[in-house]
Amino acid sequence: MKTFASMHSCTKNNLKEHSPIYDLAAYQQRQRKIKRKRLLKNLTDTAIFISIAGFTFSTLFWGVQP
């Protein structure tokens, strides 16, 4: 029997068990959908960050005259 420390070690390579893929086409379609969703989320987050950064810098330098 393994000790608690060896079972919960961060350096140990833990392999995740998974069920076999029976329908490859459905699996690939689901993966594409997840990838597209992640891409849209990243683009949305990037657009929000750029908008906030632009607004912040425009308000910081609002009164600066050239």
C-alpha atoms as a PDB file:
ATOM      1  CA  MET A   1       0.000   0.000   0.000  1.00  0.00           C
ATOM      2  CA  LYS A   2       1.330   3.418  -0.959  1.00  0.00           C
ATOM      3  CA  THR A   3       1.709   6.152   1.584  1.00  0.00           C
ATOM      4  CA  PHE A   4      -0.367   9.318   1.383  1.00  0.00           C
ATOM      5  CA  ALA A   5       2.661  11.436   0.407  1.00  0.00           C
ATOM      6  CA  SER A   6       3.642   9.209  -2.493  1.00  0.00           C
ATOM      7  CA  MET A   7       0.070   9.001  -3.768  1.00  0.00           C
ATOM      8  CA  HIS A   8      -0.370  12.790  -3.782  1.00  0.00           C
ATOM      9  CA  SER A   9       3.051  13.793  -5.058  1.00  0.00           C
ATOM     10  CA  CYS A  10       3.134  16.662  -7.565  1.00  0.00           C
ATOM     11  CA  THR A  11       6.152  15.214  -9.371  1.00  0.00           C
ATOM     12  CA  LYS A  12       4.465  11.908 -10.106  1.00  0.00           C
ATOM     13  CA  ASN A  13       3.081  11.573 -13.608  1.00  0.00           C
ATOM     14  CA  ASN A  14      -0.605  10.875 -13.159  1.00  0.00           C
ATOM     15  CA  LEU A  15      -2.238   9.243 -16.117  1.00  0.00           C
ATOM     16  CA  LYS A  16      -5.930   9.874 -16.496  1.00  0.00           C
ATOM     17  CA  GLU A  17      -7.982   6.853 -17.370  1.00  0.00           C
ATOM     18  CA  HIS A  18     -10.603   7.445 -20.009  1.00  0.00           C
ATOM     19  CA  SER A  19     -13.256   5.545 -21.800  1.00  0.00           C
ATOM     20  CA  PRO A  20     -12.495   4.394 -25.346  1.00  0.00           C
ATOM     21  CA  ILE A  21     -13.768   6.433 -28.290  1.00  0.00           C
ATOM     22  CA  TYR A  22     -16.427   4.459 -30.113  1.00  0.00           C
ATOM     23  CA  ASP A  23     -17.665   7.154 -32.504  1.00  0.00           C
ATOM     24  CA  LEU A  24     -14.641   8.984 -33.892  1.00  0.00           C
ATOM     25  CA  ALA A  25     -16.655  11.375 -36.071  1.00  0.00           C
ATOM     26  CA  ALA A  26     -18.799  12.539 -33.148  1.00  0.00           C
ATOM     27  CA  TYR A  27     -15.702  12.897 -30.961  1.00  0.00           C
ATOM     28  CA  GLN A  28     -13.915  15.032 -33.563  1.00  0.00           C
ATOM     29  CA  GLN A  29     -17.014  17.177 -34.057  1.00  0.00           C
ATOM     30  CA  ARG A  30     -17.252  17.718 -30.298  1.00  0.00           C
ATOM     31  CA  GLN A  31     -13.554  18.628 -30.147  1.00  0.00           C
ATOM     32  CA  ARG A  32     -13.966  21.160 -32.987  1.00  0.00           C
ATOM     33  CA  LYS A  33     -16.944  22.675 -31.159  1.00  0.00           C
ATOM     34  CA  ILE A  34     -14.937  22.963 -27.922  1.00  0.00           C
ATOM     35  CA  LYS A  35     -11.990  24.472 -29.799  1.00  0.00           C
ATOM     36  CA  ARG A  36     -14.236  27.027 -31.547  1.00  0.00           C
ATOM     37  CA  LYS A  37     -15.870  27.943 -28.235  1.00  0.00           C
ATOM     38  CA  ARG A  38     -12.460  28.412 -26.571  1.00  0.00           C
ATOM     39  CA  LEU A  39     -11.258  30.569 -29.498  1.00  0.00           C
ATOM     40  CA  LEU A  40     -14.324  32.819 -29.298  1.00  0.00           C
ATOM     41  CA  LYS A  41     -13.880  33.174 -25.536  1.00  0.00           C
ATOM     42  CA  ASN A  42     -10.211  34.108 -25.973  1.00  0.00           C
ATOM     43  CA  LEU A  43     -11.074  36.648 -28.674  1.00  0.00           C
ATOM     44  CA  THR A  44     -13.794  38.159 -26.486  1.00  0.00           C
ATOM     45  CA  ASP A  45     -11.470  38.391 -23.494  1.00  0.00           C
ATOM     46  CA  THR A  46      -8.758  39.984 -25.649  1.00  0.00           C
ATOM     47  CA  ALA A  47     -11.180  42.530 -27.107  1.00  0.00           C
ATOM     48  CA  ILE A  48     -12.425  43.462 -23.633  1.00  0.00           C
ATOM     49  CA  PHE A  49      -8.850  43.834 -22.339  1.00  0.00           C
ATOM     50  CA  ILE A  50      -7.823  46.048 -25.281  1.00  0.00           C
ATOM     51  CA  SER A  51     -10.956  48.169 -24.857  1.00  0.00           C
ATOM     52  CA  ILE A  52     -10.336  48.666 -21.140  1.00  0.00           C
ATOM     53  CA  ALA A  53      -6.652  49.454 -21.733  1.00  0.00           C
ATOM     54  CA  GLY A  54      -7.527  51.958 -24.472  1.00  0.00           C
ATOM     55  CA  PHE A  55     -10.170  53.618 -22.322  1.00  0.00           C
ATOM     56  CA  THR A  56      -7.802  53.793 -19.345  1.00  0.00           C
ATOM     57  CA  PHE A  57      -4.960  55.379 -21.307  1.00  0.00           C
ATOM     58  CA  SER A  58      -7.295  57.785 -23.089  1.00  0.00           C
ATOM     59  CA  THR A  59      -8.688  58.997 -19.750  1.00  0.00           C
ATOM     60  CA  LEU A  60      -5.213  59.218 -18.181  1.00  0.00           C
ATOM     61  CA  PHE A  61      -3.905  61.456 -20.956  1.00  0.00           C
ATOM     62  CA  TRP A  62      -7.134  63.345 -21.579  1.00  0.00           C
ATOM     63  CA  GLY A  63      -5.854  66.686 -20.314  1.00  0.00           C
ATOM     64  CA  VAL A  64      -2.384  66.515 -21.893  1.00  0.00           C
ATOM     65  CA  GLN A  65      -1.967  69.185 -24.533  1.00  0.00           C
ATOM     66  CA  PRO A  66       0.708  68.760 -27.244  1.00  0.00           C
END
